[in-house]
All heavy atoms as atom14 arrays in JSON, in Angstrom:
{
  "sequence": "AGSICVWSIAGLTVCCLIAAFGVEVSWGQAYAVFPLCVLAGLVP",
  "atom14_mask": [
    [1, 1, 1, 1, 1, 0, 0, 0, 0, 0, 0, 0, 0, 0],
    [1, 1, 1, 1, 0, 0, 0, 0, 0, 0, 0, 0, 0, 0],
    [1, 1, 1, 1, 1, 1, 0, 0, 0, 0, 0, 0, 0, 0],
    [1, 1, 1, 1, 1, 1, 1, 1, 0, 0, 0, 0, 0, 0],
    [1, 1, 1, 1, 1, 1, 0, 0, 0, 0, 0, 0, 0, 0],
    [1, 1, 1, 1, 1, 1, 1, 0, 0, 0, 0, 0, 0, 0],
    [1, 1, 1, 1, 1, 1, 1, 1, 1, 1, 1, 1, 1, 1],
    [1, 1, 1, 1, 1, 1, 0, 0, 0, 0, 0, 0, 0, 0],
    [1, 1, 1, 1, 1, 1, 1, 1, 0, 0, 0, 0, 0, 0],
    [1, 1, 1, 1, 1, 0, 0, 0, 0, 0, 0, 0, 0, 0],
    [1, 1, 1, 1, 0, 0, 0, 0, 0, 0, 0, 0, 0, 0],
    [1, 1, 1, 1, 1, 1, 1, 1, 0, 0, 0, 0, 0, 0],
    [1, 1, 1, 1, 1, 1, 1, 0, 0, 0, 0, 0, 0, 0],
    [1, 1, 1, 1, 1, 1, 1, 0, 0, 0, 0, 0, 0, 0],
    [1, 1, 1, 1, 1, 1, 0, 0, 0, 0, 0, 0, 0, 0],
    [1, 1, 1, 1, 1, 1, 0, 0, 0, 0, 0, 0, 0, 0],
    [1, 1, 1, 1, 1, 1, 1, 1, 0, 0, 0, 0, 0, 0],
    [1, 1, 1, 1, 1, 1, 1, 1, 0, 0, 0, 0, 0, 0],
    [1, 1, 1, 1, 1, 0, 0, 0, 0, 0, 0, 0, 0, 0],
    [1, 1, 1, 1, 1, 0, 0, 0, 0, 0, 0, 0, 0, 0],
    [1, 1, 1, 1, 1, 1, 1, 1, 1, 1, 1, 0, 0, 0],
    [1, 1, 1, 1, 0, 0, 0, 0, 0, 0, 0, 0, 0, 0],
    [1, 1, 1, 1, 1, 1, 1, 0, 0, 0, 0, 0, 0, 0],
    [1, 1, 1, 1, 1, 1, 1, 1, 1, 0, 0, 0, 0, 0],
    [1, 1, 1, 1, 1, 1, 1, 0, 0, 0, 0, 0, 0, 0],
    [1, 1, 1, 1, 1, 1, 0, 0, 0, 0, 0, 0, 0, 0],
    [1, 1, 1, 1, 1, 1, 1, 1, 1, 1, 1, 1, 1, 1],
    [1, 1, 1, 1, 0, 0, 0, 0, 0, 0, 0, 0, 0, 0],
    [1, 1, 1, 1, 1, 1, 1, 1, 1, 0, 0, 0, 0, 0],
    [1, 1, 1, 1, 1, 0, 0, 0, 0, 0, 0, 0, 0, 0],
    [1, 1, 1, 1, 1, 1, 1, 1, 1, 1, 1, 1, 0, 0],
    [1, 1, 1, 1, 1, 0, 0, 0, 0, 0, 0, 0, 0, 0],
    [1, 1, 1, 1, 1, 1, 1, 0, 0, 0, 0, 0, 0, 0],
    [1, 1, 1, 1, 1, 1, 1, 1, 1, 1, 1, 0, 0, 0],
    [1, 1, 1, 1, 1, 1, 1, 0, 0, 0, 0, 0, 0, 0],
    [1, 1, 1, 1, 1, 1, 1, 1, 0, 0, 0, 0, 0, 0],
    [1, 1, 1, 1, 1, 1, 0, 0, 0, 0, 0, 0, 0, 0],
    [1, 1, 1, 1, 1, 1, 1, 0, 0, 0, 0, 0, 0, 0],
    [1, 1, 1, 1, 1, 1, 1, 1, 0, 0, 0, 0, 0, 0],
    [1, 1, 1, 1, 1, 0, 0, 0, 0, 0, 0, 0, 0, 0],
    [1, 1, 1, 1, 0, 0, 0, 0, 0, 0, 0, 0, 0, 0],
    [1, 1, 1, 1, 1, 1, 1, 1, 0, 0, 0, 0, 0, 0],
    [1, 1, 1, 1, 1, 1, 1, 0, 0, 0, 0, 0, 0, 0],
    [1, 1, 1, 1, 1, 1, 1, 0, 0, 0, 0, 0, 0, 0]
  ],
  "atom14_positions": [
    [[6.31, -14.7, -8.63], [6.46, -14.72, -7.22], [7.3, -13.61, -6.69], [6.91, -12.95, -5.68], [7.03, -16.07, -6.81], [0.0, 0.0, 0.0], [0.0, 0.0, 0.0], [0.0, 0.0, 0.0], [0.0, 0.0, 0.0], [0.0, 0.0, 0.0], [0.0, 0.0, 0.0], [0.0, 0.0, 0.0], [0.0, 0.0, 0.0], [0.0, 0.0, 0.0]],
    [[8.4, -13.25, -7.34], [9.16, -12.14, -6.92], [8.46, -10.83, -7.07], [8.51, -10.01, -6.1], [0.0, 0.0, 0.0], [0.0, 0.0, 0.0], [0.0, 0.0, 0.0], [0.0, 0.0, 0.0], [0.0, 0.0, 0.0], [0.0, 0.0, 0.0], [0.0, 0.0, 0.0], [0.0, 0.0, 0.0], [0.0, 0.0, 0.0], [0.0, 0.0, 0.0]],
    [[7.65, -10.64, -8.13], [6.94, -9.44, -8.31], [5.8, -9.32, -7.29], [5.62, -8.24, -6.72], [6.31, -9.4, -9.78], [5.64, -8.21, -9.99], [0.0, 0.0, 0.0], [0.0, 0.0, 0.0], [0.0, 0.0, 0.0], [0.0, 0.0, 0.0], [0.0, 0.0, 0.0], [0.0, 0.0, 0.0], [0.0, 0.0, 0.0], [0.0, 0.0, 0.0]],
    [[5.09, -10.33, -7.01], [4.03, -10.39, -6.0], [4.59, -9.99, -4.68], [3.94, -9.23, -3.81], [3.32, -11.73, -6.01], [2.49, -11.93, -7.25], [2.34, -11.81, -4.77], [1.9, -13.32, -7.41], [0.0, 0.0, 0.0], [0.0, 0.0, 0.0], [0.0, 0.0, 0.0], [0.0, 0.0, 0.0], [0.0, 0.0, 0.0], [0.0, 0.0, 0.0]],
    [[5.76, -10.5, -4.31], [6.4, -10.19, -3.04], [6.73, -8.72, -2.98], [6.53, -8.05, -1.95], [7.65, -11.05, -2.85], [7.28, -12.78, -2.44], [0.0, 0.0, 0.0], [0.0, 0.0, 0.0], [0.0, 0.0, 0.0], [0.0, 0.0, 0.0], [0.0, 0.0, 0.0], [0.0, 0.0, 0.0], [0.0, 0.0, 0.0], [0.0, 0.0, 0.0]],
    [[7.26, -8.16, -4.15], [7.65, -6.77, -4.06], [6.35, -5.86, -3.83], [6.45, -4.96, -2.94], [8.24, -6.36, -5.45], [8.37, -4.8, -5.56], [9.68, -6.93, -5.59], [0.0, 0.0, 0.0], [0.0, 0.0, 0.0], [0.0, 0.0, 0.0], [0.0, 0.0, 0.0], [0.0, 0.0, 0.0], [0.0, 0.0, 0.0], [0.0, 0.0, 0.0]],
    [[5.28, -6.15, -4.5], [4.16, -5.32, -4.3], [3.42, -5.6, -2.97], [2.82, -4.72, -2.45], [3.14, -5.51, -5.5], [3.66, -4.98, -6.81], [3.91, -5.58, -7.91], [3.99, -3.63, -6.96], [4.37, -4.72, -8.86], [4.42, -3.5, -8.33], [4.05, -2.44, -6.17], [4.86, -2.3, -8.91], [4.41, -1.25, -6.77], [4.84, -1.16, -8.08]],
    [[3.49, -6.84, -2.49], [2.98, -7.12, -1.11], [3.72, -6.34, -0.06], [3.12, -5.78, 0.86], [3.04, -8.58, -0.9], [2.28, -9.41, -1.77], [0.0, 0.0, 0.0], [0.0, 0.0, 0.0], [0.0, 0.0, 0.0], [0.0, 0.0, 0.0], [0.0, 0.0, 0.0], [0.0, 0.0, 0.0], [0.0, 0.0, 0.0], [0.0, 0.0, 0.0]],
    [[5.05, -6.28, -0.23], [5.82, -5.4, 0.69], [5.49, -3.92, 0.61], [5.36, -3.29, 1.66], [7.32, -5.65, 0.42], [7.8, -7.04, 0.81], [8.2, -4.57, 1.15], [9.21, -7.37, 0.42], [0.0, 0.0, 0.0], [0.0, 0.0, 0.0], [0.0, 0.0, 0.0], [0.0, 0.0, 0.0], [0.0, 0.0, 0.0], [0.0, 0.0, 0.0]],
    [[5.15, -3.49, -0.62], [4.79, -2.09, -0.81], [3.5, -1.84, 0.05], [3.35, -0.81, 0.7], [4.6, -1.77, -2.24], [0.0, 0.0, 0.0], [0.0, 0.0, 0.0], [0.0, 0.0, 0.0], [0.0, 0.0, 0.0], [0.0, 0.0, 0.0], [0.0, 0.0, 0.0], [0.0, 0.0, 0.0], [0.0, 0.0, 0.0], [0.0, 0.0, 0.0]],
    [[2.53, -2.75, -0.1], [1.27, -2.6, 0.62], [1.45, -2.73, 2.16], [0.83, -1.96, 2.9], [0.0, 0.0, 0.0], [0.0, 0.0, 0.0], [0.0, 0.0, 0.0], [0.0, 0.0, 0.0], [0.0, 0.0, 0.0], [0.0, 0.0, 0.0], [0.0, 0.0, 0.0], [0.0, 0.0, 0.0], [0.0, 0.0, 0.0], [0.0, 0.0, 0.0]],
    [[2.4, -3.57, 2.56], [2.67, -3.63, 4.03], [3.31, -2.46, 4.51], [3.03, -2.02, 5.65], [3.6, -4.9, 4.27], [3.87, -5.18, 5.71], [2.67, -5.43, 6.55], [4.81, -6.46, 5.8], [0.0, 0.0, 0.0], [0.0, 0.0, 0.0], [0.0, 0.0, 0.0], [0.0, 0.0, 0.0], [0.0, 0.0, 0.0], [0.0, 0.0, 0.0]],
    [[4.15, -1.79, 3.7], [4.78, -0.53, 4.18], [3.73, 0.56, 4.39], [3.77, 1.29, 5.39], [5.69, -0.02, 3.04], [6.78, -0.99, 2.83], [6.4, 1.29, 3.46], [0.0, 0.0, 0.0], [0.0, 0.0, 0.0], [0.0, 0.0, 0.0], [0.0, 0.0, 0.0], [0.0, 0.0, 0.0], [0.0, 0.0, 0.0], [0.0, 0.0, 0.0]],
    [[2.74, 0.62, 3.52], [1.67, 1.59, 3.75], [0.87, 1.28, 5.04], [0.52, 2.17, 5.81], [0.65, 1.54, 2.49], [-0.55, 2.43, 2.77], [1.33, 1.95, 1.23], [0.0, 0.0, 0.0], [0.0, 0.0, 0.0], [0.0, 0.0, 0.0], [0.0, 0.0, 0.0], [0.0, 0.0, 0.0], [0.0, 0.0, 0.0], [0.0, 0.0, 0.0]],
    [[0.62, -0.05, 5.23], [-0.07, -0.37, 6.45], [0.66, 0.0, 7.71], [0.13, 0.4, 8.73], [-0.35, -1.92, 6.41], [-1.5, -2.4, 5.17], [0.0, 0.0, 0.0], [0.0, 0.0, 0.0], [0.0, 0.0, 0.0], [0.0, 0.0, 0.0], [0.0, 0.0, 0.0], [0.0, 0.0, 0.0], [0.0, 0.0, 0.0], [0.0, 0.0, 0.0]],
    [[2.03, -0.29, 7.65], [2.89, 0.11, 8.81], [2.83, 1.59, 9.08], [2.83, 2.0, 10.26], [4.3, -0.31, 8.48], [4.58, -2.09, 8.59], [0.0, 0.0, 0.0], [0.0, 0.0, 0.0], [0.0, 0.0, 0.0], [0.0, 0.0, 0.0], [0.0, 0.0, 0.0], [0.0, 0.0, 0.0], [0.0, 0.0, 0.0], [0.0, 0.0, 0.0]],
    [[2.81, 2.41, 8.02], [2.78, 3.83, 8.2], [1.38, 4.28, 8.77], [1.3, 5.19, 9.57], [3.08, 4.54, 6.91], [4.44, 4.42, 6.33], [4.53, 4.91, 4.87], [5.38, 5.13, 7.16], [0.0, 0.0, 0.0], [0.0, 0.0, 0.0], [0.0, 0.0, 0.0], [0.0, 0.0, 0.0], [0.0, 0.0, 0.0], [0.0, 0.0, 0.0]],
    [[0.35, 3.6, 8.33], [-0.98, 3.88, 8.85], [-1.05, 3.6, 10.36], [-1.57, 4.38, 11.15], [-2.02, 3.06, 8.11], [-2.34, 3.67, 6.72], [-3.37, 2.99, 8.91], [-3.17, 2.86, 5.85], [0.0, 0.0, 0.0], [0.0, 0.0, 0.0], [0.0, 0.0, 0.0], [0.0, 0.0, 0.0], [0.0, 0.0, 0.0], [0.0, 0.0, 0.0]],
    [[-0.45, 2.47, 10.74], [-0.41, 2.11, 12.18], [0.43, 3.04, 12.95], [0.18, 3.37, 14.07], [0.04, 0.68, 12.3], [0.0, 0.0, 0.0], [0.0, 0.0, 0.0], [0.0, 0.0, 0.0], [0.0, 0.0, 0.0], [0.0, 0.0, 0.0], [0.0, 0.0, 0.0], [0.0, 0.0, 0.0], [0.0, 0.0, 0.0], [0.0, 0.0, 0.0]],
    [[1.52, 3.42, 12.37], [2.54, 4.31, 12.99], [1.92, 5.66, 13.36], [2.11, 6.21, 14.51], [3.79, 4.49, 12.22], [0.0, 0.0, 0.0], [0.0, 0.0, 0.0], [0.0, 0.0, 0.0], [0.0, 0.0, 0.0], [0.0, 0.0, 0.0], [0.0, 0.0, 0.0], [0.0, 0.0, 0.0], [0.0, 0.0, 0.0], [0.0, 0.0, 0.0]],
    [[1.19, 6.23, 12.46], [0.62, 7.54, 12.65], [-0.78, 7.55, 13.16], [-1.42, 8.63, 13.36], [0.68, 8.31, 11.33], [2.14, 8.61, 10.84], [2.58, 8.14, 9.64], [2.91, 9.4, 11.63], [3.86, 8.4, 9.25], [4.23, 9.71, 11.2], [4.75, 9.16, 9.99], [0.0, 0.0, 0.0], [0.0, 0.0, 0.0], [0.0, 0.0, 0.0]],
    [[-1.28, 6.42, 13.48], [-2.62, 6.31, 14.1], [-3.76, 6.69, 13.06], [-4.77, 7.3, 13.56], [0.0, 0.0, 0.0], [0.0, 0.0, 0.0], [0.0, 0.0, 0.0], [0.0, 0.0, 0.0], [0.0, 0.0, 0.0], [0.0, 0.0, 0.0], [0.0, 0.0, 0.0], [0.0, 0.0, 0.0], [0.0, 0.0, 0.0], [0.0, 0.0, 0.0]],
    [[-3.53, 6.49, 11.76], [-4.6, 6.89, 10.79], [-5.61, 5.85, 10.88], [-5.48, 4.64, 10.88], [-3.93, 6.92, 9.4], [-5.03, 7.29, 8.37], [-2.8, 7.94, 9.33], [0.0, 0.0, 0.0], [0.0, 0.0, 0.0], [0.0, 0.0, 0.0], [0.0, 0.0, 0.0], [0.0, 0.0, 0.0], [0.0, 0.0, 0.0], [0.0, 0.0, 0.0]],
    [[-6.9, 6.35, 10.85], [-8.05, 5.46, 11.1], [-8.57, 4.92, 9.76], [-9.7, 5.27, 9.23], [-9.17, 6.29, 11.85], [-8.88, 6.64, 13.25], [-9.98, 7.32, 13.99], [-11.01, 7.6, 13.28], [-9.82, 7.65, 15.14], [0.0, 0.0, 0.0], [0.0, 0.0, 0.0], [0.0, 0.0, 0.0], [0.0, 0.0, 0.0], [0.0, 0.0, 0.0]],
    [[-7.73, 4.12, 9.17], [-8.0, 3.35, 7.98], [-7.6, 1.94, 8.18], [-6.48, 1.67, 8.67], [-7.33, 3.97, 6.73], [-7.5, 3.08, 5.55], [-7.82, 5.46, 6.46], [0.0, 0.0, 0.0], [0.0, 0.0, 0.0], [0.0, 0.0, 0.0], [0.0, 0.0, 0.0], [0.0, 0.0, 0.0], [0.0, 0.0, 0.0], [0.0, 0.0, 0.0]],
    [[-8.46, 0.98, 7.82], [-8.13, -0.46, 8.07], [-7.05, -0.92, 7.11], [-6.88, -0.28, 5.99], [-9.39, -1.28, 7.95], [-9.79, -1.32, 6.56], [0.0, 0.0, 0.0], [0.0, 0.0, 0.0], [0.0, 0.0, 0.0], [0.0, 0.0, 0.0], [0.0, 0.0, 0.0], [0.0, 0.0, 0.0], [0.0, 0.0, 0.0], [0.0, 0.0, 0.0]],
    [[-6.42, -2.02, 7.44], [-5.37, -2.56, 6.55], [-6.02, -3.03, 5.28], [-5.4, -2.89, 4.14], [-4.63, -3.65, 7.18], [-3.58, -3.17, 8.15], [-3.62, -1.96, 8.86], [-2.39, -3.78, 8.56], [-2.52, -1.86, 9.73], [-1.75, -2.92, 9.5], [-1.77, -4.98, 8.24], [-0.51, -3.25, 10.1], [-0.55, -5.3, 8.8], [0.06, -4.49, 9.72]],
    [[-7.24, -3.56, 5.33], [-7.9, -4.03, 4.15], [-8.14, -2.87, 3.19], [-7.94, -2.96, 1.96], [0.0, 0.0, 0.0], [0.0, 0.0, 0.0], [0.0, 0.0, 0.0], [0.0, 0.0, 0.0], [0.0, 0.0, 0.0], [0.0, 0.0, 0.0], [0.0, 0.0, 0.0], [0.0, 0.0, 0.0], [0.0, 0.0, 0.0], [0.0, 0.0, 0.0]],
    [[-8.55, -1.71, 3.73], [-8.77, -0.48, 2.94], [-7.44, -0.01, 2.34], [-7.43, 0.47, 1.19], [-9.47, 0.53, 3.78], [-10.9, 0.2, 4.15], [-11.46, 1.14, 5.19], [-10.72, 1.72, 5.99], [-12.78, 1.3, 5.18], [0.0, 0.0, 0.0], [0.0, 0.0, 0.0], [0.0, 0.0, 0.0], [0.0, 0.0, 0.0], [0.0, 0.0, 0.0]],
    [[-6.38, -0.1, 3.13], [-5.11, 0.35, 2.68], [-4.65, -0.5, 1.53], [-4.13, 0.06, 0.47], [-4.06, 0.25, 3.86], [0.0, 0.0, 0.0], [0.0, 0.0, 0.0], [0.0, 0.0, 0.0], [0.0, 0.0, 0.0], [0.0, 0.0, 0.0], [0.0, 0.0, 0.0], [0.0, 0.0, 0.0], [0.0, 0.0, 0.0], [0.0, 0.0, 0.0]],
    [[-4.86, -1.82, 1.54], [-4.47, -2.62, 0.43], [-5.28, -2.42, -0.81], [-4.89, -2.72, -1.91], [-4.56, -4.16, 0.88], [-3.16, -4.7, 1.29], [-2.81, -4.71, 2.61], [-2.23, -5.12, 0.35], [-1.51, -5.21, 3.08], [-0.97, -5.61, 0.77], [-0.64, -5.59, 2.07], [0.62, -6.1, 2.45], [0.0, 0.0, 0.0], [0.0, 0.0, 0.0]],
    [[-6.47, -1.9, -0.52], [-7.38, -1.57, -1.66], [-6.95, -0.23, -2.34], [-7.2, -0.04, -3.54], [-8.86, -1.45, -1.25], [0.0, 0.0, 0.0], [0.0, 0.0, 0.0], [0.0, 0.0, 0.0], [0.0, 0.0, 0.0], [0.0, 0.0, 0.0], [0.0, 0.0, 0.0], [0.0, 0.0, 0.0], [0.0, 0.0, 0.0], [0.0, 0.0, 0.0]],
    [[-6.27, 0.58, -1.59], [-5.84, 1.91, -2.02], [-4.53, 1.92, -2.72], [-4.35, 2.51, -3.83], [-5.91, 2.91, -0.85], [-5.08, 4.11, -1.22], [-7.27, 3.22, -0.43], [0.0, 0.0, 0.0], [0.0, 0.0, 0.0], [0.0, 0.0, 0.0], [0.0, 0.0, 0.0], [0.0, 0.0, 0.0], [0.0, 0.0, 0.0], [0.0, 0.0, 0.0]],
    [[-3.47, 1.29, -2.12], [-2.11, 1.51, -2.53], [-1.81, 1.15, -4.01], [-1.11, 1.86, -4.68], [-1.13, 0.78, -1.61], [-0.69, -0.57, -2.04], [0.44, -0.65, -2.95], [-1.27, -1.69, -1.62], [0.82, -2.0, -3.33], [-0.92, -2.9, -2.03], [0.2, -3.04, -2.91], [0.0, 0.0, 0.0], [0.0, 0.0, 0.0], [0.0, 0.0, 0.0]],
    [[-2.47, 0.04, -4.64], [-2.03, -0.26, -5.98], [-2.59, 0.77, -6.97], [-1.98, 1.13, -7.96], [-2.72, -1.61, -6.17], [-3.66, -1.81, -5.18], [-3.19, -1.02, -3.98], [0.0, 0.0, 0.0], [0.0, 0.0, 0.0], [0.0, 0.0, 0.0], [0.0, 0.0, 0.0], [0.0, 0.0, 0.0], [0.0, 0.0, 0.0], [0.0, 0.0, 0.0]],
    [[-3.81, 1.32, -6.55], [-4.36, 2.45, -7.48], [-3.56, 3.67, -7.37], [-3.38, 4.38, -8.37], [-5.77, 2.66, -6.96], [-6.69, 1.5, -6.97], [-8.16, 1.93, -6.55], [-6.71, 0.79, -8.37], [0.0, 0.0, 0.0], [0.0, 0.0, 0.0], [0.0, 0.0, 0.0], [0.0, 0.0, 0.0], [0.0, 0.0, 0.0], [0.0, 0.0, 0.0]],
    [[-2.99, 3.95, -6.19], [-2.12, 5.13, -5.98], [-0.82, 4.95, -6.77], [-0.32, 5.91, -7.48], [-1.89, 5.41, -4.59], [-3.31, 5.79, -3.66], [0.0, 0.0, 0.0], [0.0, 0.0, 0.0], [0.0, 0.0, 0.0], [0.0, 0.0, 0.0], [0.0, 0.0, 0.0], [0.0, 0.0, 0.0], [0.0, 0.0, 0.0], [0.0, 0.0, 0.0]],
    [[-0.27, 3.71, -6.77], [0.93, 3.42, -7.49], [0.67, 3.56, -8.97], [1.54, 4.13, -9.79], [1.54, 2.1, -7.2], [2.65, 1.68, -8.05], [1.95, 2.02, -5.73], [0.0, 0.0, 0.0], [0.0, 0.0, 0.0], [0.0, 0.0, 0.0], [0.0, 0.0, 0.0], [0.0, 0.0, 0.0], [0.0, 0.0, 0.0], [0.0, 0.0, 0.0]],
    [[-0.41, 3.13, -9.47], [-0.79, 3.25, -10.86], [-0.93, 4.71, -11.25], [-0.45, 5.17, -12.32], [-2.19, 2.58, -11.1], [-2.17, 1.07, -11.13], [-3.58, 0.49, -11.24], [-1.35, 0.54, -12.28], [0.0, 0.0, 0.0], [0.0, 0.0, 0.0], [0.0, 0.0, 0.0], [0.0, 0.0, 0.0], [0.0, 0.0, 0.0], [0.0, 0.0, 0.0]],
    [[-1.36, 5.55, -10.33], [-1.48, 7.02, -10.58], [-0.04, 7.53, -10.78], [0.15, 8.47, -11.53], [-2.23, 7.67, -9.49], [0.0, 0.0, 0.0], [0.0, 0.0, 0.0], [0.0, 0.0, 0.0], [0.0, 0.0, 0.0], [0.0, 0.0, 0.0], [0.0, 0.0, 0.0], [0.0, 0.0, 0.0], [0.0, 0.0, 0.0], [0.0, 0.0, 0.0]],
    [[0.88, 7.01, -10.02], [2.26, 7.42, -10.09], [2.98, 7.12, -11.41], [4.02, 7.58, -11.66], [0.0, 0.0, 0.0], [0.0, 0.0, 0.0], [0.0, 0.0, 0.0], [0.0, 0.0, 0.0], [0.0, 0.0, 0.0], [0.0, 0.0, 0.0], [0.0, 0.0, 0.0], [0.0, 0.0, 0.0], [0.0, 0.0, 0.0], [0.0, 0.0, 0.0]],
    [[2.31, 6.21, -12.2], [3.01, 5.81, -13.46], [2.83, 6.86, -14.51], [3.48, 6.8, -15.61], [2.35, 4.45, -13.94], [2.63, 3.22, -13.05], [1.98, 2.06, -13.67], [4.1, 3.06, -12.88], [0.0, 0.0, 0.0], [0.0, 0.0, 0.0], [0.0, 0.0, 0.0], [0.0, 0.0, 0.0], [0.0, 0.0, 0.0], [0.0, 0.0, 0.0]],
    [[2.0, 7.82, -14.27], [1.8, 8.97, -15.27], [3.17, 9.61, -15.53], [3.79, 10.14, -14.53], [0.76, 9.95, -14.78], [0.7, 11.09, -15.73], [-0.57, 9.35, -14.51], [0.0, 0.0, 0.0], [0.0, 0.0, 0.0], [0.0, 0.0, 0.0], [0.0, 0.0, 0.0], [0.0, 0.0, 0.0], [0.0, 0.0, 0.0], [0.0, 0.0, 0.0]],
    [[3.68, 9.59, -16.75], [5.0, 10.08, -17.0], [5.15, 11.58, -16.98], [5.59, 12.2, -18.0], [5.36, 9.54, -18.41], [4.01, 9.4, -19.03], [3.03, 9.1, -17.96], [0.0, 0.0, 0.0], [0.0, 0.0, 0.0], [0.0, 0.0, 0.0], [0.0, 0.0, 0.0], [0.0, 0.0, 0.0], [0.0, 0.0, 0.0], [0.0, 0.0, 0.0]]
  ]
}
């Protein structure tokens, strides 16, 4: 539950930034994107 909340907040942060800058991407698309981008960031 704690881990799911952490990653859900990460996705919500991306959605807030999309709304703040007026980026024409839906929140559903944002939630589809952010975990894959975080996975890309795991490359050491």
